[in-house]
Amino acid sequence: MRVQGQPYRTIWMEPDDSVWIIDQRFLPHRFVTQEVRTADEMAVAIREMHVRGAGLIGAAAAFGMYLAARESAATGDYFETIRKAAGKLIAARPTAVNLEWAVTRQLAMISDTRSSAENLQVLKQTAQAIADEDAAFCHSIGLHGSTLIRDIAQKKNGAPVNILTHCNAGWLAFVDYGSATAPIYEAFDNGIPLHVWVDETRPRNQGASLTAWELLNHGVPHTLIADNTGGHLMQHGRVDLVITGADRVTRAGDAANKIGTYLKALAAQANNVPLYVALPSSTFDWNIRDGIRDIPIEERSGNEVKYITGLHGNELVEVLVAPEKSPALNYGFDVTPAALITGLITERGICAAAEADILRLFPEKR
């Protein structure tokens, strides 16, 4: 995507093989890029949400493995250094399966029959391939998902299609294009009239700070709303379609996404509003069926609930919005059962949130 006319990905490698990211903590107020020099720095960047979003943290972890291999030349213990880095990277964020998937893929590329220099080159190439695949898959998601928006637009005779999002599953959450936003960008760029309701997404406000910034940057009509507004809008016929992303989807179609998605799904079902989950295949966890029982849910610091970050003058500051001594509970994600999901938008097409139809698109996972 473009920022002030310049093309950017969320993570990239410079010609000198340095790895750079967009540090999302400063958005929407400042556009900051950061060089990541070591695997430990990448683990911190993932855990502290310099980078976030299922696809992006998978790509970041892949580059983190490359950085670990580069560091190992100085330690003298090549394989042990890489294995330790793999453990730190996987532990950084437990819910999004893309992270473990990318690290496991990198580990499978290492061979003791090659020199450390050859292994380093393979890990570099694989990290870049994972990033390129993520962008390509998201572009395909946009092509498939935009047909849903087009079909609704045709029935509305030129009136804008109102789409509700939750959290940020835009290009900032992936390497490029995004998952939930990819159909929106594709439809908008093809002249389909639309408008996006942007959930603020407490407690970290990724909708307010990231999705709104993305849409504004792209020129897409949108309105920021409080998280609890969506149900009211659905009751009054002001939402035509809900599209969310996901951090892990089971082979049976249960989807883990940012906390609050489940409530949106209940409201959508009660008001006959279709709800789709957009995801690349790297977000499927093919080893589990029951998402409520088996998907690990990250619990983060309660301070994210009690404090809010904003721009004061020229400085980013944290402000306490709750009694200082009140305890706070902060689950990062919830699970939406497959029964509440109208369909899944993947790089291979759209399917029902049901194992048989998912496997129709991915027969190699039978």
Protein backbone atom coordinates (compact mmCIF):
# COMPACT_ATOMS: atom_id res chain seq x y z
CA MET A 1 0.00 0.00 0.00
CA ARG A 2 1.02 3.64 -0.16
CA VAL A 3 1.81 6.16 2.56
CA GLN A 4 1.98 9.74 1.33
CA GLY A 5 2.40 8.40 -2.19
CA GLN A 6 5.24 6.00 -1.32
CA PRO A 7 4.76 2.21 -1.55
CA TYR A 8 5.31 0.35 1.72
CA ARG A 9 5.04 -3.11 3.12
CA THR A 10 4.79 -3.61 6.87
CA ILE A 11 8.08 -5.53 6.95
CA TRP A 12 10.86 -5.55 4.39
CA MET A 13 14.53 -6.20 3.79
CA GLU A 14 16.84 -3.49 2.48
CA PRO A 15 19.57 -4.21 -0.10
CA ASP A 16 22.11 -4.43 2.75
CA ASP A 17 20.01 -7.31 4.24
CA SER A 18 18.81 -5.22 7.19
CA VAL A 19 15.23 -5.92 8.31
CA TRP A 20 12.82 -3.01 8.83
CA ILE A 21 9.27 -2.69 10.16
CA ILE A 22 6.63 0.00 10.53
CA ASP A 23 6.43 0.61 14.29
CA GLN A 24 2.65 0.68 14.70
CA ARG A 25 2.70 1.94 18.29
CA PHE A 26 3.00 5.51 16.99
CA LEU A 27 0.14 5.41 14.49
CA PRO A 28 -1.98 7.30 13.62
CA HIS A 29 -0.01 10.28 14.93
CA ARG A 30 3.42 9.47 13.55
CA PHE A 31 4.71 7.21 10.80
CA VAL A 32 7.80 5.57 12.29
CA THR A 33 10.01 2.85 10.81
CA GLN A 34 12.39 0.74 12.87
CA GLU A 35 15.33 -1.50 12.05
CA VAL A 36 15.21 -4.87 13.84
CA ARG A 37 18.73 -6.21 14.33
CA THR A 38 18.36 -9.44 16.33
CA ALA A 39 15.93 -12.28 16.96
CA ASP A 40 15.46 -11.03 20.52
CA GLU A 41 14.54 -7.58 19.19
CA MET A 42 12.03 -9.22 16.84
CA ALA A 43 10.48 -11.16 19.72
CA VAL A 44 10.10 -7.90 21.64
CA ALA A 45 8.62 -6.18 18.59
CA ILE A 46 6.02 -8.96 18.33
CA ARG A 47 5.24 -9.17 22.04
CA GLU A 48 5.07 -5.40 22.58
CA MET A 49 3.04 -4.93 19.38
CA HIS A 50 5.43 -2.84 17.33
CA VAL A 51 4.07 -5.29 14.77
CA ARG A 52 0.74 -7.08 15.20
CA GLY A 53 -1.81 -8.98 13.17
CA ALA A 54 -1.78 -12.66 12.26
CA GLY A 55 -0.06 -12.51 8.90
CA LEU A 56 2.47 -9.87 9.86
CA ILE A 57 3.69 -11.55 13.02
CA GLY A 58 4.12 -14.75 11.01
CA ALA A 59 6.32 -12.93 8.51
CA ALA A 60 8.11 -11.11 11.34
CA ALA A 61 8.88 -14.42 13.03
CA ALA A 62 10.25 -15.79 9.76
CA PHE A 63 12.60 -12.83 9.48
CA GLY A 64 13.42 -13.29 13.16
CA MET A 65 14.67 -16.79 12.38
CA TYR A 66 16.87 -15.37 9.65
CA LEU A 67 18.27 -12.84 12.12
CA ALA A 68 18.95 -15.66 14.60
CA ALA A 69 20.94 -17.54 11.97
CA ARG A 70 22.90 -14.39 11.21
CA GLU A 71 23.67 -13.92 14.92
CA SER A 72 24.75 -17.54 15.34
CA ALA A 73 27.97 -16.88 13.48
CA ALA A 74 29.15 -14.97 16.55
CA THR A 75 27.99 -17.54 19.13
CA GLY A 76 29.68 -20.62 17.69
CA ASP A 77 26.61 -22.77 18.47
CA TYR A 78 24.59 -22.53 15.31
CA PHE A 79 21.66 -24.90 15.84
CA GLU A 80 21.22 -24.15 19.55
CA THR A 81 21.06 -20.41 18.89
CA ILE A 82 18.37 -20.91 16.26
CA ARG A 83 16.33 -23.30 18.43
CA LYS A 84 16.38 -20.87 21.36
CA ALA A 85 15.28 -18.05 19.07
CA ALA A 86 12.45 -20.22 17.75
CA GLY A 87 11.15 -20.79 21.28
CA LYS A 88 11.25 -17.07 22.12
CA LEU A 89 9.49 -16.10 18.93
CA ILE A 90 6.71 -18.66 19.33
CA ALA A 91 6.14 -17.62 22.95
CA ALA A 92 5.82 -13.93 22.04
CA ARG A 93 2.09 -14.16 21.09
CA PRO A 94 0.28 -17.48 21.70
CA THR A 95 -3.08 -17.10 19.92
CA ALA A 96 -2.17 -16.36 16.29
CA VAL A 97 -1.17 -19.63 14.66
CA ASN A 98 0.70 -17.91 11.80
CA LEU A 99 3.62 -17.23 14.14
CA GLU A 100 4.26 -20.88 15.04
CA TRP A 101 3.55 -21.91 11.45
CA ALA A 102 6.25 -19.58 10.12
CA VAL A 103 8.85 -20.61 12.72
CA THR A 104 8.15 -24.30 12.09
CA ARG A 105 8.52 -23.75 8.36
CA GLN A 106 11.87 -22.07 8.91
CA LEU A 107 13.09 -24.84 11.21
CA ALA A 108 12.23 -27.39 8.54
CA MET A 109 14.50 -25.54 6.10
CA ILE A 110 17.63 -25.94 8.23
CA SER A 111 19.91 -28.81 7.28
CA ASP A 112 23.09 -30.08 8.96
CA THR A 113 24.35 -31.13 5.54
CA ARG A 114 24.72 -27.50 4.50
CA SER A 115 27.17 -24.90 5.74
CA SER A 116 25.95 -22.16 8.07
CA ALA A 117 26.31 -19.67 5.21
CA GLU A 118 24.13 -21.84 2.98
CA ASN A 119 21.53 -22.26 5.73
CA LEU A 120 21.53 -18.50 6.27
CA GLN A 121 20.76 -17.94 2.61
CA VAL A 122 17.94 -20.49 2.69
CA LEU A 123 16.37 -18.86 5.76
CA LYS A 124 16.62 -15.45 4.13
CA GLN A 125 14.93 -16.71 0.97
CA THR A 126 12.21 -18.50 2.94
CA ALA A 127 11.46 -15.42 5.05
CA GLN A 128 11.05 -13.37 1.88
CA ALA A 129 8.90 -16.11 0.34
CA ILE A 130 6.61 -16.14 3.40
CA ALA A 131 6.23 -12.35 3.16
CA ASP A 132 5.55 -12.48 -0.58
CA GLU A 133 3.01 -15.30 -0.16
CA ASP A 134 1.20 -13.37 2.56
CA ALA A 135 0.82 -10.34 0.29
CA ALA A 136 -0.27 -12.47 -2.67
CA PHE A 137 -2.81 -14.42 -0.60
CA CYS A 138 -4.31 -11.21 0.77
CA HIS A 139 -4.60 -9.79 -2.73
CA SER A 140 -6.53 -12.91 -3.75
CA ILE A 141 -8.76 -12.58 -0.69
CA GLY A 142 -9.60 -9.10 -1.92
CA LEU A 143 -10.55 -10.38 -5.36
CA HIS A 144 -12.83 -13.09 -3.96
CA GLY A 145 -14.34 -11.01 -1.16
CA SER A 146 -15.12 -8.00 -3.33
CA THR A 147 -17.73 -10.10 -5.18
CA LEU A 148 -19.80 -10.12 -1.97
CA ILE A 149 -19.73 -6.33 -1.82
CA ARG A 150 -20.53 -6.05 -5.52
CA ASP A 151 -23.56 -8.35 -5.18
CA ILE A 152 -24.96 -6.28 -2.30
CA ALA A 153 -24.30 -3.05 -4.22
CA GLN A 154 -26.31 -4.29 -7.17
CA LYS A 155 -29.30 -4.91 -4.90
CA LYS A 156 -28.98 -1.43 -3.36
CA ASN A 157 -29.22 0.34 -6.72
CA GLY A 158 -26.23 2.59 -6.20
CA ALA A 159 -26.59 3.27 -2.48
CA PRO A 160 -23.35 2.67 -0.55
CA VAL A 161 -22.75 -0.77 0.94
CA ASN A 162 -22.27 -0.38 4.71
CA ILE A 163 -19.57 -2.71 6.05
CA LEU A 164 -18.68 -3.17 9.72
CA THR A 165 -15.14 -4.08 10.76
CA HIS A 166 -13.67 -5.01 14.13
CA CYS A 167 -10.04 -4.42 15.16
CA ASN A 168 -7.49 -4.06 12.35
CA ALA A 169 -7.21 -6.79 9.74
CA GLY A 170 -5.86 -4.34 7.18
CA TRP A 171 -2.53 -4.16 5.41
CA LEU A 172 -0.94 -3.15 8.72
CA ALA A 173 -1.90 -6.57 10.11
CA PHE A 174 -0.35 -8.41 7.17
CA VAL A 175 2.52 -7.75 4.81
CA ASP A 176 0.22 -5.94 2.36
CA TYR A 177 -3.47 -5.56 1.38
CA GLY A 178 -4.88 -7.08 4.59
CA SER A 179 -7.53 -9.75 4.98
CA ALA A 180 -10.79 -8.09 6.08
CA THR A 181 -9.91 -4.84 4.32
CA ALA A 182 -8.67 -6.40 1.09
CA PRO A 183 -12.22 -6.85 -0.31
CA ILE A 184 -13.02 -3.28 0.75
CA TYR A 185 -9.99 -1.84 -1.07
CA GLU A 186 -10.66 -3.96 -4.15
CA ALA A 187 -14.32 -2.95 -4.32
CA PHE A 188 -13.56 0.72 -3.65
CA ASP A 189 -10.82 0.82 -6.29
CA ASN A 190 -13.32 -0.63 -8.78
CA GLY A 191 -15.82 2.14 -8.15
CA ILE A 192 -18.32 0.27 -5.97
CA PRO A 193 -19.93 2.75 -3.54
CA LEU A 194 -19.29 1.73 0.05
CA HIS A 195 -18.88 3.01 3.58
CA VAL A 196 -17.12 1.37 6.51
CA TRP A 197 -18.18 1.44 10.16
CA VAL A 198 -14.91 1.19 12.11
CA ASP A 199 -15.10 -0.28 15.61
CA GLU A 200 -12.67 1.51 17.93
CA THR A 201 -11.67 -1.90 19.37
CA ARG A 202 -10.81 -1.39 23.00
CA PRO A 203 -8.59 -1.76 24.87
CA ARG A 204 -5.76 -1.08 22.40
CA ASN A 205 -7.94 0.82 19.92
CA GLN A 206 -6.56 -0.78 16.78
CA GLY A 207 -9.69 0.18 14.88
CA ALA A 208 -9.45 3.82 15.89
CA SER A 209 -5.69 4.15 15.46
CA LEU A 210 -4.95 1.75 12.59
CA THR A 211 -8.02 0.86 10.51
CA ALA A 212 -9.29 4.44 10.45
CA TRP A 213 -5.79 5.65 9.49
CA GLU A 214 -5.56 3.09 6.69
CA LEU A 215 -8.98 3.94 5.26
CA LEU A 216 -8.33 7.68 5.50
CA ASN A 217 -4.98 7.21 3.79
CA HIS A 218 -6.70 5.28 0.96
CA GLY A 219 -9.64 7.68 0.67
CA VAL A 220 -12.29 5.11 1.68
CA PRO A 221 -15.44 6.64 3.27
CA HIS A 222 -15.65 5.53 6.90
CA THR A 223 -16.98 6.45 10.32
CA LEU A 224 -15.37 5.57 13.65
CA ILE A 225 -17.79 4.13 16.23
CA ALA A 226 -17.61 2.93 19.81
CA ASP A 227 -17.41 -0.85 20.11
CA ASN A 228 -20.92 -1.13 21.52
CA THR A 229 -22.57 0.75 18.64
CA GLY A 230 -22.58 -2.07 16.10
CA GLY A 231 -25.63 -3.87 17.45
CA HIS A 232 -27.68 -0.68 17.39
CA LEU A 233 -26.69 -0.01 13.77
CA MET A 234 -27.64 -3.56 12.79
CA GLN A 235 -31.05 -3.24 14.47
CA HIS A 236 -31.75 -0.18 12.35
CA GLY A 237 -30.65 -1.68 9.03
CA ARG A 238 -27.49 0.36 8.74
CA VAL A 239 -25.08 -2.57 8.33
CA ASP A 240 -25.16 -4.70 5.17
CA LEU A 241 -22.13 -6.86 5.84
CA VAL A 242 -19.64 -7.65 8.60
CA ILE A 243 -16.10 -8.66 7.63
CA THR A 244 -13.51 -9.52 10.27
CA GLY A 245 -10.09 -11.07 10.24
CA ALA A 246 -8.90 -13.98 12.38
CA ASP A 247 -5.85 -15.05 14.32
CA ARG A 248 -6.62 -18.77 14.26
CA VAL A 249 -9.39 -20.77 12.56
CA THR A 250 -9.99 -24.44 13.24
CA ARG A 251 -10.51 -27.02 10.51
CA ALA A 252 -14.20 -26.99 11.50
CA GLY A 253 -14.56 -23.21 11.09
CA ASP A 254 -14.41 -21.77 14.62
CA ALA A 255 -12.55 -18.46 14.50
CA ALA A 256 -10.47 -16.67 17.13
CA ASN A 257 -10.27 -12.93 16.60
CA LYS A 258 -9.89 -9.77 18.66
CA ILE A 259 -12.00 -9.72 21.81
CA GLY A 260 -15.51 -8.50 21.01
CA THR A 261 -15.86 -10.30 17.68
CA TYR A 262 -18.13 -12.94 19.25
CA LEU A 263 -20.56 -10.25 20.40
CA LYS A 264 -20.65 -8.77 16.88
CA ALA A 265 -21.40 -12.22 15.51
CA LEU A 266 -24.33 -12.65 17.92
CA ALA A 267 -25.72 -9.26 16.92
CA ALA A 268 -25.26 -10.07 13.23
CA GLN A 269 -27.13 -13.36 13.56
CA ALA A 270 -29.98 -11.71 15.50
CA ASN A 271 -30.40 -9.11 12.74
CA ASN A 272 -29.83 -11.33 9.68
CA VAL A 273 -26.61 -9.54 8.73
CA PRO A 274 -24.05 -11.77 6.97
CA LEU A 275 -20.72 -12.09 8.76
CA TYR A 276 -17.63 -13.27 6.91
CA VAL A 277 -14.17 -14.04 8.26
CA ALA A 278 -11.28 -13.27 5.88
CA LEU A 279 -8.06 -15.23 6.30
CA PRO A 280 -5.09 -16.63 4.39
CA SER A 281 -4.60 -20.39 4.69
CA SER A 282 -1.66 -19.86 7.06
CA THR A 283 -4.25 -18.85 9.71
CA PHE A 284 -5.92 -22.28 9.70
CA ASP A 285 -4.96 -24.61 12.53
CA TRP A 286 -5.51 -27.96 10.85
CA ASN A 287 -4.86 -29.86 14.08
CA ILE A 288 -7.96 -28.76 16.03
CA ARG A 289 -11.72 -28.67 15.54
CA ASP A 290 -13.11 -27.20 18.76
CA GLY A 291 -11.99 -23.59 18.95
CA ILE A 292 -13.59 -22.77 22.28
CA ARG A 293 -11.85 -25.69 23.96
CA ASP A 294 -8.54 -25.79 22.15
CA ILE A 295 -7.50 -22.31 20.95
CA PRO A 296 -5.18 -20.67 23.51
CA ILE A 297 -6.43 -17.20 24.43
CA GLU A 298 -3.77 -14.64 25.24
CA GLU A 299 -4.25 -12.71 28.48
CA ARG A 300 -2.48 -9.36 28.49
CA SER A 301 -1.72 -6.78 31.16
CA GLY A 302 -4.73 -5.20 32.82
CA ASN A 303 -3.01 -1.85 32.42
CA GLU A 304 -4.08 -1.88 28.77
CA VAL A 305 -7.66 -1.60 30.04
CA LYS A 306 -6.94 0.95 32.76
CA TYR A 307 -4.75 3.29 30.70
CA ILE A 308 -5.31 4.84 27.29
CA THR A 309 -2.56 6.21 25.03
CA GLY A 310 -3.00 9.38 23.03
CA LEU A 311 -1.28 12.41 21.61
CA HIS A 312 -0.83 15.37 23.98
CA GLY A 313 0.91 18.24 22.27
CA ASN A 314 3.80 16.51 20.52
CA GLU A 315 4.13 13.63 22.95
CA LEU A 316 2.46 10.24 23.22
CA VAL A 317 1.22 9.88 26.78
CA GLU A 318 -0.65 7.28 28.82
CA VAL A 319 -3.65 8.46 30.83
CA LEU A 320 -5.27 6.53 33.66
CA VAL A 321 -9.03 6.20 33.01
CA ALA A 322 -9.96 3.86 35.89
CA PRO A 323 -9.41 3.79 39.64
CA GLU A 324 -5.74 3.05 40.07
CA LYS A 325 -6.32 0.21 42.53
CA SER A 326 -9.14 -1.49 40.63
CA PRO A 327 -8.09 -4.85 39.15
CA ALA A 328 -8.60 -5.33 35.40
CA LEU A 329 -8.96 -8.46 33.27
CA ASN A 330 -7.67 -8.30 29.70
CA TYR A 331 -8.27 -11.23 27.35
CA GLY A 332 -6.92 -10.39 23.90
CA PHE A 333 -9.22 -12.63 21.86
CA ASP A 334 -12.48 -14.56 21.84
CA VAL A 335 -13.76 -17.42 19.69
CA THR A 336 -16.72 -17.12 17.34
CA PRO A 337 -18.32 -20.55 16.75
CA ALA A 338 -18.64 -21.67 13.15
CA ALA A 339 -22.44 -21.64 13.43
CA LEU A 340 -22.36 -17.82 13.66
CA ILE A 341 -20.14 -17.36 10.60
CA THR A 342 -21.74 -16.99 7.17
CA GLY A 343 -18.57 -17.90 5.33
CA LEU A 344 -14.79 -17.78 5.14
CA ILE A 345 -12.96 -15.73 2.50
CA THR A 346 -9.62 -17.35 1.63
CA GLU A 347 -7.06 -16.98 -1.14
CA ARG A 348 -8.65 -19.98 -2.85
CA GLY A 349 -12.22 -18.69 -2.71
CA ILE A 350 -15.19 -18.45 -0.35
CA CYS A 351 -16.48 -21.42 1.62
CA ALA A 352 -18.83 -22.20 4.45
CA ALA A 353 -17.41 -22.29 7.97
CA ALA A 354 -17.72 -26.07 7.98
CA GLU A 355 -15.05 -28.76 7.75
CA ALA A 356 -16.38 -30.40 4.59
CA ASP A 357 -16.50 -27.15 2.66
CA ILE A 358 -13.16 -25.92 3.98
CA LEU A 359 -11.61 -29.19 2.77
CA ARG A 360 -13.26 -28.67 -0.63
CA LEU A 361 -10.91 -25.69 -1.03
CA PHE A 362 -7.97 -27.40 0.73
CA PRO A 363 -8.24 -31.10 -0.20
CA GLU A 364 -4.60 -31.73 0.67
CA LYS A 365 -5.54 -31.26 4.37
CA ARG A 366 -7.96 -34.20 4.45
